[in-house]
């Protein structure tokens, strides 16, 4: 009798509780893996296809990535042609219709952000340009917040049983993120108007956010390695109009920036660029904490 009552009780509890659903997320970049975890918690299983020490443009469509994509419910990618060299190849080699362009499992973060650096014309002679605009939206925290809400809505659409959890976690993340953004803005106030040089044109959103003034890029054209002759021109530019420091991403070749430092005595600063780019950038909050700390430290060097 007791077993019958106990069984009936468990059955009732199961019926009253929403079914546990594990949403499989394929995140093209570490920042979207981190945001998916913030929004999904233990209701999502997140796989990051790249690391903070990899150039997101230059990824190989390896069998392991194809296998992960094959079992994914949603692919959270930047879009704006950032993954154009590898994501279409992965899609072509998997039969997962959930992830095809326009399907419910196709989530492109750049669709929810106002892109900058949109070229007036498309000409590959101008280097590695992106026709839709600059895809490196994760360099400004307001863009992360802009993506968080539609991401939570997409998770809820794909996994309605856990919709309340996604909305609750979004609200909590939003509160914490807005507080952090206010703190970062206050901490970074001394950086406003500061002249900088950059290796690659990856930082426009950060420049706009912090009010940094770019003097020159170390690449003659986006994605084109600088020649010694071009670097000599950069040295000449920086001797006439000095920058406070040279910025490079964790995955970038350090030789151009070290050359400039050697010739001009302008310090170079390695920034994480994304989650995992430095040991301190362990999550999204750490990404911006470390970015600002490194920039401020360079102003005192």
Protein backbone atom coordinates (compact mmCIF):
# COMPACT_ATOMS: atom_id res chain seq x y z
CA UNK A 1 0.00 0.00 0.00
CA UNK A 2 2.82 2.38 1.00
CA UNK A 3 4.58 1.64 -2.30
CA UNK A 4 1.40 2.45 -4.21
CA UNK A 5 0.97 5.78 -2.38
CA UNK A 6 4.67 6.64 -2.81
CA UNK A 7 4.50 5.81 -6.53
CA UNK A 8 1.42 7.97 -6.97
CA UNK A 9 3.11 10.84 -5.13
CA UNK A 10 6.21 10.68 -7.32
CA UNK A 11 4.05 10.53 -10.44
CA UNK A 12 2.17 13.63 -9.31
CA UNK A 13 5.40 15.50 -8.59
CA UNK A 14 6.78 14.60 -12.00
CA UNK A 15 3.60 15.77 -13.67
CA UNK A 16 3.74 19.07 -11.76
CA UNK A 17 7.40 19.73 -12.61
CA UNK A 18 8.49 20.86 -16.07
CA UNK A 19 10.50 18.30 -17.99
CA UNK A 20 14.25 18.83 -17.88
CA UNK A 21 15.57 19.78 -21.29
CA UNK A 22 19.24 20.11 -22.14
CA UNK A 23 19.61 22.52 -25.03
CA UNK A 24 22.76 21.78 -27.03
CA UNK A 25 24.47 25.05 -27.94
CA UNK A 26 27.25 25.30 -30.52
CA UNK A 27 28.96 28.65 -29.86
CA UNK A 28 31.23 29.86 -32.63
CA UNK A 29 33.21 32.18 -30.34
CA UNK A 30 34.05 32.14 -26.60
CA UNK A 31 32.04 35.28 -25.81
CA UNK A 32 28.84 33.62 -27.03
CA UNK A 33 29.65 30.42 -25.16
CA UNK A 34 30.00 32.52 -22.00
CA UNK A 35 26.78 34.45 -22.65
CA UNK A 36 24.89 31.23 -23.42
CA UNK A 37 26.03 29.84 -20.06
CA UNK A 38 24.95 33.02 -18.27
CA UNK A 39 21.48 32.79 -19.83
CA UNK A 40 21.04 29.03 -19.83
CA UNK A 41 22.77 27.80 -16.69
CA UNK A 42 22.34 24.07 -16.24
CA UNK A 43 19.55 23.97 -18.82
CA UNK A 44 22.06 24.25 -21.66
CA UNK A 45 25.07 22.24 -22.74
CA UNK A 46 27.50 24.67 -24.36
CA UNK A 47 30.35 23.84 -26.73
CA UNK A 48 32.79 26.60 -27.71
CA UNK A 49 34.15 25.99 -31.21
CA UNK A 50 37.07 28.38 -30.76
CA UNK A 51 39.29 29.70 -27.99
CA UNK A 52 40.51 33.14 -27.02
CA UNK A 53 43.92 32.32 -28.48
CA UNK A 54 42.59 31.61 -31.98
CA UNK A 55 41.93 34.04 -34.81
CA UNK A 56 38.15 33.63 -35.40
CA UNK A 57 38.69 34.32 -39.11
CA UNK A 58 41.15 31.47 -39.54
CA UNK A 59 39.47 28.29 -38.26
CA UNK A 60 39.57 24.89 -39.95
CA UNK A 61 36.33 22.94 -40.42
CA UNK A 62 37.68 19.98 -38.47
CA UNK A 63 35.74 16.71 -38.09
CA UNK A 64 35.32 17.40 -34.38
CA UNK A 65 33.53 20.66 -35.09
CA UNK A 66 31.32 18.98 -37.67
CA UNK A 67 30.35 16.29 -35.18
CA UNK A 68 29.44 18.90 -32.56
CA UNK A 69 27.37 20.88 -35.04
CA UNK A 70 25.55 17.74 -36.10
CA UNK A 71 24.10 17.35 -32.58
CA UNK A 72 23.42 21.02 -31.83
CA UNK A 73 19.99 22.56 -31.33
CA UNK A 74 21.26 26.09 -31.91
CA UNK A 75 24.43 27.70 -33.25
CA UNK A 76 25.25 31.02 -31.61
CA UNK A 77 27.69 32.84 -33.90
CA UNK A 78 28.72 36.43 -34.52
CA UNK A 79 27.71 36.50 -38.18
CA UNK A 80 28.55 39.54 -40.32
CA UNK A 81 30.87 37.23 -42.29
CA UNK A 82 33.25 36.67 -39.35
CA UNK A 83 32.95 32.89 -39.76
CA UNK A 84 32.60 32.91 -43.53
CA UNK A 85 35.81 30.94 -44.01
CA UNK A 86 34.70 27.92 -41.98
CA UNK A 87 31.09 27.87 -40.76
CA UNK A 88 29.53 27.34 -44.23
CA UNK A 89 31.85 24.35 -44.70
CA UNK A 90 30.67 22.86 -41.43
CA UNK A 91 27.02 23.37 -42.37
CA UNK A 92 27.62 21.75 -45.74
CA UNK A 93 29.01 18.63 -44.09
CA UNK A 94 26.27 18.14 -41.53
CA UNK A 95 22.65 17.23 -42.17
CA UNK A 96 21.45 19.28 -39.17
CA UNK A 97 18.62 21.32 -40.67
CA UNK A 98 18.10 23.16 -37.37
CA UNK A 99 21.19 25.26 -38.06
CA UNK A 100 20.62 26.19 -41.69
CA UNK A 101 20.39 29.90 -42.52
CA UNK A 102 17.09 31.31 -41.33
CA UNK A 103 16.16 28.26 -39.24
CA UNK A 104 15.28 28.56 -35.56
CA UNK A 105 18.70 27.23 -34.57
CA UNK A 106 20.56 29.87 -36.57
CA UNK A 107 21.39 32.73 -34.17
CA UNK A 108 23.67 35.52 -35.38
CA UNK A 109 24.56 37.99 -32.66
CA UNK A 110 25.48 40.79 -35.06
CA UNK A 111 21.84 40.96 -36.20
CA UNK A 112 20.97 42.65 -32.90
CA UNK A 113 23.72 45.28 -32.94
CA UNK A 114 24.24 48.41 -35.02
CA UNK A 115 27.38 47.59 -37.00
CA UNK A 116 30.06 50.15 -37.82
CA UNK A 117 32.81 50.34 -40.44
CA UNK A 118 30.47 49.33 -43.26
CA UNK A 119 32.53 49.70 -46.46
CA UNK A 120 31.33 52.04 -49.18
CA UNK A 121 32.32 49.43 -51.75
CA UNK A 122 33.43 45.81 -51.72
CA UNK A 123 36.89 45.33 -53.15
CA UNK A 124 39.14 42.48 -52.01
CA UNK A 125 42.09 44.61 -53.04
CA UNK A 126 41.30 46.59 -49.88
CA UNK A 127 42.09 43.59 -47.69
CA UNK A 128 39.96 41.39 -45.46
CA UNK A 129 36.91 43.63 -45.32
CA UNK A 130 33.44 42.63 -44.14
CA UNK A 131 30.63 43.82 -46.35
CA UNK A 132 28.08 43.96 -43.52
CA UNK A 133 30.37 45.90 -41.19
CA UNK A 134 32.88 45.29 -38.42
CA UNK A 135 32.00 41.96 -36.75
CA UNK A 136 34.07 42.40 -33.58
CA UNK A 137 31.09 43.54 -31.54
CA UNK A 138 32.26 41.90 -28.30
CA UNK A 139 34.80 44.66 -27.65
CA UNK A 140 32.05 46.85 -26.13
CA UNK A 141 29.85 45.61 -23.26
CA UNK A 142 26.68 47.35 -24.46
CA UNK A 143 26.67 44.98 -27.42
CA UNK A 144 26.71 41.96 -25.11
CA UNK A 145 23.60 43.28 -23.39
CA UNK A 146 21.93 43.93 -26.74
CA UNK A 147 22.44 40.27 -27.66
CA UNK A 148 21.43 38.80 -24.27
CA UNK A 149 17.68 39.45 -24.53
CA UNK A 150 17.12 37.97 -28.02
CA UNK A 151 19.34 35.03 -27.05
CA UNK A 152 17.15 34.30 -24.01
CA UNK A 153 14.08 34.58 -26.22
CA UNK A 154 15.56 32.14 -28.73
CA UNK A 155 16.40 29.64 -26.00
CA UNK A 156 12.82 29.93 -24.71
CA UNK A 157 11.46 29.38 -28.22
CA UNK A 158 13.56 26.24 -28.67
CA UNK A 159 13.01 24.96 -25.12
CA UNK A 160 9.63 26.30 -23.89
CA UNK A 161 9.63 23.99 -20.86
CA UNK A 162 12.45 26.10 -19.40
CA UNK A 163 11.37 29.51 -20.69
CA UNK A 164 10.83 30.87 -17.17
CA UNK A 165 14.37 29.88 -16.19
CA UNK A 166 15.86 31.67 -19.19
CA UNK A 167 13.90 34.83 -18.44
CA UNK A 168 14.87 34.73 -14.77
CA UNK A 169 18.54 34.29 -15.59
CA UNK A 170 18.36 37.07 -18.19
CA UNK A 171 16.93 39.46 -15.59
CA UNK A 172 19.67 38.55 -13.12
CA UNK A 173 22.40 38.89 -15.75
CA UNK A 174 21.01 42.25 -16.91
CA UNK A 175 21.07 43.65 -13.38
CA UNK A 176 24.62 42.53 -12.76
CA UNK A 177 25.79 43.62 -16.22
CA UNK A 178 24.34 47.12 -15.99
CA UNK A 179 26.03 47.60 -12.61
CA UNK A 180 29.32 46.39 -14.07
CA UNK A 181 28.97 48.68 -17.10
CA UNK A 182 28.55 51.70 -14.82
CA UNK A 183 31.65 50.65 -12.87
CA UNK A 184 33.71 50.12 -16.04
CA UNK A 185 32.67 53.51 -17.41
CA UNK A 186 33.81 55.21 -14.22
CA UNK A 187 37.09 53.31 -14.04
CA UNK A 188 37.89 53.99 -17.70
CA UNK A 189 37.27 57.74 -17.52
CA UNK A 190 41.04 58.55 -17.64
CA UNK A 191 41.24 56.81 -21.05
CA UNK A 192 38.90 59.22 -22.83
CA UNK A 193 40.60 60.98 -25.73
CA UNK A 194 43.77 58.93 -25.40
CA UNK A 195 45.64 58.39 -28.70
CA UNK A 196 46.34 54.75 -29.58
CA UNK A 197 47.71 52.53 -32.33
CA UNK A 198 46.26 49.10 -33.11
CA UNK A 199 47.53 46.02 -34.90
CA UNK A 200 44.25 45.14 -36.61
CA UNK A 201 41.03 47.12 -36.98
CA UNK A 202 39.35 44.97 -34.34
CA UNK A 203 38.71 47.62 -31.75
CA UNK A 204 36.32 50.20 -33.23
CA UNK A 205 33.50 49.38 -30.81
CA UNK A 206 35.88 49.64 -27.84
CA UNK A 207 37.33 52.88 -29.21
CA UNK A 208 33.83 54.35 -29.47
CA UNK A 209 32.87 53.07 -26.01
CA UNK A 210 35.93 54.43 -24.20
CA UNK A 211 36.54 57.48 -26.38
CA UNK A 212 39.95 56.31 -27.56
CA UNK A 213 41.50 58.06 -30.56
CA UNK A 214 43.10 55.76 -33.13
CA UNK A 215 46.15 57.29 -34.80
CA UNK A 216 47.20 54.41 -37.03
CA UNK A 217 46.83 50.67 -37.63
CA UNK A 218 49.88 48.44 -38.00
CA UNK A 219 48.29 46.63 -40.94
CA UNK A 220 48.35 48.51 -44.26
CA UNK A 221 44.96 46.92 -45.03
CA UNK A 222 42.75 44.71 -42.85
CA UNK A 223 44.22 41.21 -42.60
CA UNK A 224 47.33 42.10 -44.64
CA UNK A 225 50.60 41.58 -42.70
CA UNK A 226 52.70 44.74 -42.63
CA UNK A 227 55.92 44.94 -44.61
CA UNK A 228 59.05 46.48 -43.13
CA UNK A 229 58.49 49.48 -45.39
CA UNK A 230 54.97 50.00 -44.11
CA UNK A 231 56.09 49.67 -40.48
CA UNK A 232 58.69 52.35 -41.17
CA UNK A 233 55.81 54.61 -42.27
CA UNK A 234 53.96 53.76 -39.04
CA UNK A 235 57.05 54.72 -37.02
CA UNK A 236 57.22 58.03 -38.86
CA UNK A 237 53.53 58.68 -38.19
CA UNK A 238 53.87 57.91 -34.48
CA UNK A 239 56.96 60.08 -34.13
CA UNK A 240 54.96 62.99 -35.49
CA UNK A 241 51.74 62.11 -33.65
CA UNK A 242 52.61 59.92 -30.65
CA UNK A 243 50.23 57.30 -29.30
CA UNK A 244 50.02 56.29 -25.65
CA UNK A 245 50.23 52.58 -26.48
CA UNK A 246 49.86 49.97 -29.21
CA UNK A 247 47.01 47.48 -28.79
CA UNK A 248 46.99 43.90 -30.01
CA UNK A 249 44.71 40.94 -29.41
CA UNK A 250 45.95 37.87 -27.55
CA UNK A 251 45.92 35.75 -30.72
CA UNK A 252 47.82 38.22 -32.88
CA UNK A 253 51.48 38.06 -33.89
CA UNK A 254 53.42 40.24 -31.46
CA UNK A 255 56.28 41.08 -33.83
CA UNK A 256 54.77 44.20 -35.45
CA UNK A 257 53.83 45.81 -32.14
CA UNK A 258 57.19 44.90 -30.56
CA UNK A 259 58.96 46.44 -33.55
CA UNK A 260 57.01 49.67 -33.07
CA UNK A 261 57.76 49.66 -29.35
CA UNK A 262 61.45 49.18 -30.03
CA UNK A 263 61.57 52.07 -32.50
CA UNK A 264 59.27 54.54 -30.74
CA UNK A 265 59.37 53.43 -27.08
CA UNK A 266 55.57 53.39 -27.10
CA UNK A 267 54.45 50.47 -24.90
CA UNK A 268 52.40 47.67 -26.43
CA UNK A 269 49.40 46.26 -24.64
CA UNK A 270 48.04 42.75 -25.05
CA UNK A 271 44.27 42.66 -24.54
CA UNK A 272 42.20 39.50 -24.14
CA UNK A 273 39.83 40.42 -27.00
CA UNK A 274 37.45 37.69 -25.87
CA UNK A 275 36.85 35.29 -22.99
CA UNK A 276 39.93 33.15 -22.44
CA UNK A 277 42.31 35.54 -24.19
CA UNK A 278 44.16 36.05 -20.89
CA UNK A 279 44.12 34.08 -17.63
CA UNK A 280 42.12 36.87 -15.99
CA UNK A 281 39.40 36.91 -18.69
CA UNK A 282 37.72 33.75 -17.45
CA UNK A 283 34.19 34.96 -18.13
CA UNK A 284 32.43 37.98 -19.61
CA UNK A 285 32.89 40.10 -16.50
CA UNK A 286 36.56 39.19 -16.33
CA UNK A 287 36.96 40.08 -20.01
CA UNK A 288 36.12 43.74 -19.46
CA UNK A 289 37.71 43.94 -16.01
CA UNK A 290 41.00 42.77 -17.46
CA UNK A 291 40.72 44.92 -20.58
CA UNK A 292 40.32 48.12 -18.57
CA UNK A 293 42.94 47.13 -16.00
CA UNK A 294 45.51 46.50 -18.74
CA UNK A 295 44.74 49.76 -20.52
CA UNK A 296 44.97 51.77 -17.30
CA UNK A 297 48.21 50.04 -16.32
CA UNK A 298 49.71 50.97 -19.71
CA UNK A 299 48.98 54.67 -19.11
CA UNK A 300 51.19 54.55 -16.03
CA UNK A 301 54.06 52.75 -17.72
